[in-house]
Amino acid sequence: MTKRKEADTAVVAGATGMMGKQLMHQLLNDPVYQNVIALVRRSTGISHPKLIERQVSFDRLENEIDAHVLKDADVYCTLGTTMQQAGSKEAFCKVDHEYPLALAKLAKQHGSASYVIVTAMWASEKSRMFYTRVKGHLERDLLALGLPRLVILRPSLLLGEREDESIGDRATNMIFRIIDPFLIGKLARMKAIPCKDVAQAMILLAHEQGEEVEILESEVISRKVKMNSSASST
């Protein structure tokens, strides 16, 4: 696929979560980016010559982020929480809907090159599940913004090291590893996927010209990463 003029700055929201940490690692090692700006509430604890940390309140993001940060940048969003962490539906919606949407609006306003976000498999505003319904509402509102390039990744279960991994998380991971060989055909979209693969796909897609809007699920994400690995090794 034809590549666009590459941005030399990446802006990341959600850098301290499981997905965000893996993304940050790959962005800091990507030769395309000269600067990686992490929008954080607390320090990432990472020391790197490319890294610029901006401590912000996501409740007042429009007052704390300006064109200097977002202009011509690739904006990556891995913000997300769980009901257990959030404590209420209202708090969950703030992190998983309001904050990513606020960042996208600023990206559009200040001329960002692309907006790349992780949502969830089965995201739909008509979903009966609260989690996927919120993700669906977010996707709907992002699509309505008319961003110059919007990439939405809908992975299945994310595999990686979680700081607050529960017994339920470990059990779910084990079940998915057992059933993985049987997830073929239409069920392939349910395959669990490593965070590192999703992070790699996010960066690859940001670098590409692509369509104005792209939405990818786990099977396509995995295929893209494999194709890139094959091309790199030849």
Protein backbone atom coordinates (compact mmCIF):
# COMPACT_ATOMS: atom_id res chain seq x y z
CA MET A 1 0.00 0.00 0.00
CA THR A 2 1.23 3.50 -0.80
CA LYS A 3 2.61 5.33 2.19
CA ARG A 4 1.64 8.88 3.07
CA LYS A 5 4.04 11.55 4.25
CA GLU A 6 5.01 10.16 7.62
CA ALA A 7 4.43 12.09 10.83
CA ASP A 8 7.54 12.43 13.00
CA THR A 9 5.55 12.81 16.23
CA ALA A 10 3.36 10.26 17.98
CA VAL A 11 0.94 11.28 20.73
CA VAL A 12 -0.26 8.53 23.07
CA ALA A 13 -3.16 8.49 25.54
CA GLY A 14 -3.32 5.43 27.77
CA ALA A 15 0.42 4.83 27.95
CA THR A 16 0.41 3.18 31.39
CA GLY A 17 -2.01 0.31 30.69
CA MET A 18 -1.11 -3.14 29.38
CA MET A 19 -1.81 -2.19 25.78
CA GLY A 20 -0.30 1.27 26.13
CA LYS A 21 2.98 0.00 27.56
CA GLN A 22 3.51 -2.32 24.62
CA LEU A 23 2.62 0.46 22.19
CA MET A 24 5.03 2.88 23.88
CA HIS A 25 7.87 0.34 23.67
CA GLN A 26 7.39 -0.04 19.93
CA LEU A 27 6.90 3.68 19.24
CA LEU A 28 10.10 4.60 21.06
CA ASN A 29 11.96 2.07 18.91
CA ASP A 30 10.34 3.18 15.65
CA PRO A 31 12.87 5.19 13.59
CA VAL A 32 10.07 7.20 11.94
CA TYR A 33 9.16 9.05 15.13
CA GLN A 34 11.48 11.71 16.50
CA ASN A 35 9.17 12.52 19.42
CA VAL A 36 6.72 10.40 21.41
CA ILE A 37 4.43 12.51 23.59
CA ALA A 38 2.65 10.60 26.35
CA LEU A 39 -0.48 12.22 27.80
CA VAL A 40 -0.55 10.85 31.33
CA ARG A 41 -2.05 11.39 34.75
CA ARG A 42 1.01 9.81 36.34
CA SER A 43 4.53 9.20 35.09
CA THR A 44 5.14 6.16 32.91
CA GLY A 45 8.44 5.55 34.67
CA ILE A 46 10.11 5.31 31.25
CA SER A 47 13.33 7.20 30.49
CA HIS A 48 14.06 7.70 26.78
CA PRO A 49 15.49 10.57 24.71
CA LYS A 50 12.42 10.59 22.43
CA LEU A 51 9.88 10.61 25.25
CA ILE A 52 8.04 13.75 26.34
CA GLU A 53 5.56 13.28 29.18
CA ARG A 54 2.66 15.70 29.50
CA GLN A 55 0.77 15.28 32.77
CA VAL A 56 -2.83 16.23 32.05
CA SER A 57 -6.32 16.03 33.45
CA PHE A 58 -8.47 14.27 30.89
CA ASP A 59 -11.49 16.09 32.34
CA ARG A 60 -9.96 19.38 31.12
CA LEU A 61 -8.11 18.12 28.07
CA GLU A 62 -9.26 20.95 25.81
CA ASN A 63 -7.55 23.44 28.15
CA GLU A 64 -4.29 21.50 28.40
CA ILE A 65 -3.55 20.32 24.85
CA ASP A 66 -2.97 22.72 21.98
CA ALA A 67 -2.06 22.69 18.30
CA HIS A 68 1.66 22.53 19.07
CA VAL A 69 1.21 19.02 20.49
CA LEU A 70 -1.24 17.58 17.96
CA LYS A 71 -0.50 19.31 14.64
CA ASP A 72 0.53 16.72 11.99
CA ALA A 73 0.98 14.04 14.68
CA ASP A 74 -0.21 10.45 14.68
CA VAL A 75 -2.51 10.19 17.71
CA TYR A 76 -2.83 6.81 19.40
CA CYS A 77 -5.51 6.04 21.99
CA THR A 78 -5.44 2.98 24.23
CA LEU A 79 -7.50 4.48 27.04
CA GLY A 80 -9.69 1.94 28.76
CA THR A 81 -10.72 0.56 32.11
CA THR A 82 -12.91 -2.14 33.64
CA MET A 83 -16.07 -1.88 35.69
CA GLN A 84 -14.11 -3.17 38.68
CA GLN A 85 -11.52 -0.43 38.32
CA ALA A 86 -14.00 2.32 37.44
CA GLY A 87 -16.45 1.52 40.21
CA SER A 88 -19.53 2.76 38.35
CA LYS A 89 -21.02 2.92 34.88
CA GLU A 90 -20.63 6.70 34.86
CA ALA A 91 -16.92 6.49 35.64
CA PHE A 92 -16.46 3.71 33.07
CA CYS A 93 -18.10 5.84 30.36
CA LYS A 94 -15.77 8.73 31.16
CA VAL A 95 -12.65 6.69 30.53
CA ASP A 96 -13.91 4.57 27.63
CA HIS A 97 -16.08 7.10 25.83
CA GLU A 98 -15.74 10.71 26.93
CA TYR A 99 -11.94 10.91 27.13
CA PRO A 100 -11.16 9.18 23.78
CA LEU A 101 -13.81 11.30 22.05
CA ALA A 102 -12.46 14.52 23.57
CA LEU A 103 -8.97 13.64 22.33
CA ALA A 104 -10.31 12.86 18.85
CA LYS A 105 -12.11 16.21 18.67
CA LEU A 106 -8.87 17.99 19.52
CA ALA A 107 -6.99 15.89 16.96
CA LYS A 108 -9.47 17.02 14.30
CA GLN A 109 -9.39 20.65 15.46
CA HIS A 110 -5.60 20.90 15.52
CA GLY A 111 -4.84 19.01 12.32
CA SER A 112 -3.49 15.64 13.43
CA ALA A 113 -2.46 13.28 10.65
CA SER A 114 -4.27 10.22 12.00
CA TYR A 115 -6.22 8.91 14.97
CA VAL A 116 -5.68 5.24 15.83
CA ILE A 117 -7.71 3.62 18.61
CA VAL A 118 -8.34 0.21 20.18
CA THR A 119 -11.99 -0.54 20.96
CA ALA A 120 -13.31 -4.11 21.27
CA MET A 121 -14.67 -7.05 19.32
CA TRP A 122 -18.46 -6.85 18.94
CA ALA A 123 -18.49 -3.11 19.60
CA SER A 124 -21.99 -1.93 18.69
CA GLU A 125 -24.28 0.80 19.95
CA LYS A 126 -27.07 -1.81 19.80
CA SER A 127 -25.22 -4.36 21.92
CA ARG A 128 -27.00 -5.74 24.98
CA MET A 129 -23.68 -5.83 26.81
CA PHE A 130 -22.80 -2.56 28.54
CA TYR A 131 -19.08 -2.80 27.72
CA THR A 132 -19.47 -3.36 23.99
CA ARG A 133 -22.37 -0.88 23.81
CA VAL A 134 -20.17 1.89 25.22
CA LYS A 135 -17.47 0.98 22.70
CA GLY A 136 -20.11 1.09 19.95
CA HIS A 137 -21.25 4.55 21.04
CA LEU A 138 -17.63 5.69 20.93
CA GLU A 139 -17.11 4.31 17.41
CA ARG A 140 -20.32 5.99 16.23
CA ASP A 141 -19.22 9.36 17.61
CA LEU A 142 -15.70 9.04 16.22
CA LEU A 143 -17.05 8.26 12.75
CA ALA A 144 -19.25 11.36 12.91
CA LEU A 145 -16.22 13.64 13.41
CA GLY A 146 -14.89 13.25 9.88
CA LEU A 147 -11.27 12.76 10.90
CA PRO A 148 -8.77 12.79 8.01
CA ARG A 149 -7.74 9.24 8.92
CA LEU A 150 -9.45 7.09 11.54
CA VAL A 151 -8.24 3.57 12.30
CA ILE A 152 -10.26 1.41 14.71
CA LEU A 153 -8.88 -1.90 15.93
CA ARG A 154 -11.32 -4.38 17.47
CA PRO A 155 -9.20 -7.12 19.02
CA SER A 156 -10.56 -10.14 20.82
CA LEU A 157 -9.00 -11.05 24.16
CA LEU A 158 -5.68 -9.23 24.56
CA LEU A 159 -2.78 -11.38 25.72
CA GLY A 160 -0.10 -9.76 27.84
CA GLU A 161 1.04 -9.05 31.35
CA ARG A 162 -1.58 -7.24 33.41
CA GLU A 163 -0.55 -5.50 36.62
CA ASP A 164 -3.92 -6.20 38.22
CA GLU A 165 -4.61 -9.61 36.68
CA SER A 166 -7.39 -11.39 38.52
CA ILE A 167 -8.14 -15.09 38.87
CA GLY A 168 -10.89 -14.56 36.29
CA ASP A 169 -8.41 -13.02 33.85
CA ARG A 170 -6.04 -15.96 34.21
CA ALA A 171 -8.89 -18.43 33.73
CA THR A 172 -10.10 -16.62 30.62
CA ASN A 173 -6.58 -16.59 29.15
CA MET A 174 -6.24 -20.32 29.77
CA ILE A 175 -9.61 -21.09 28.15
CA PHE A 176 -8.77 -19.04 25.06
CA ARG A 177 -5.40 -20.77 24.70
CA ILE A 178 -7.13 -24.17 24.83
CA ILE A 179 -9.85 -23.36 22.29
CA ASP A 180 -7.59 -21.30 19.98
CA PRO A 181 -6.87 -24.18 17.51
CA PHE A 182 -10.61 -24.70 17.02
CA LEU A 183 -11.35 -21.06 16.16
CA ILE A 184 -11.34 -21.30 12.37
CA GLY A 185 -13.52 -19.94 9.59
CA LYS A 186 -16.05 -17.44 10.93
CA LEU A 187 -14.84 -18.11 14.46
CA ALA A 188 -11.30 -16.89 13.65
CA ARG A 189 -12.26 -13.36 14.63
CA MET A 190 -12.53 -14.59 18.23
CA LYS A 191 -8.90 -15.69 18.48
CA ALA A 192 -7.00 -14.09 21.34
CA ILE A 193 -4.22 -11.79 20.17
CA PRO A 194 -0.98 -10.60 21.81
CA CYS A 195 -0.80 -6.93 22.72
CA LYS A 196 2.48 -6.65 20.83
CA ASP A 197 0.73 -7.63 17.58
CA VAL A 198 -2.03 -5.07 18.08
CA ALA A 199 0.56 -2.39 18.86
CA GLN A 200 2.53 -3.28 15.73
CA ALA A 201 -0.60 -3.14 13.60
CA MET A 202 -1.51 0.28 15.04
CA ILE A 203 1.85 1.70 13.98
CA LEU A 204 1.80 0.05 10.55
CA LEU A 205 -1.65 1.45 9.86
CA ALA A 206 -0.70 4.94 11.02
CA HIS A 207 2.22 4.94 8.58
CA GLU A 208 0.08 3.88 5.62
CA GLN A 209 -1.92 6.07 3.29
CA GLY A 210 -4.95 3.80 3.63
CA GLU A 211 -8.61 4.74 3.51
CA GLU A 212 -10.17 7.59 5.47
CA VAL A 213 -11.70 5.00 7.81
CA GLU A 214 -10.41 1.49 8.51
CA ILE A 215 -11.88 -0.98 11.01
CA LEU A 216 -9.98 -4.21 11.69
CA GLU A 217 -10.73 -7.23 13.87
CA SER A 218 -8.30 -9.76 15.37
CA GLU A 219 -8.01 -12.04 12.34
CA VAL A 220 -7.14 -9.16 10.00
CA ILE A 221 -4.80 -7.58 12.56
CA SER A 222 -2.87 -10.86 12.89
CA ARG A 223 -2.71 -11.30 9.12
CA LYS A 224 -1.35 -7.78 8.66
CA VAL A 225 1.41 -8.34 11.21
CA LYS A 226 2.37 -11.66 9.61
CA MET A 227 2.48 -10.11 6.14
CA ASN A 228 4.72 -7.31 7.39
CA SER A 229 7.03 -9.79 9.10
CA SER A 230 7.26 -11.86 5.91
CA ALA A 231 7.99 -8.77 3.81
CA SER A 232 10.66 -7.60 6.26
CA SER A 233 12.45 -10.95 6.20
CA THR A 234 12.72 -11.11 2.40
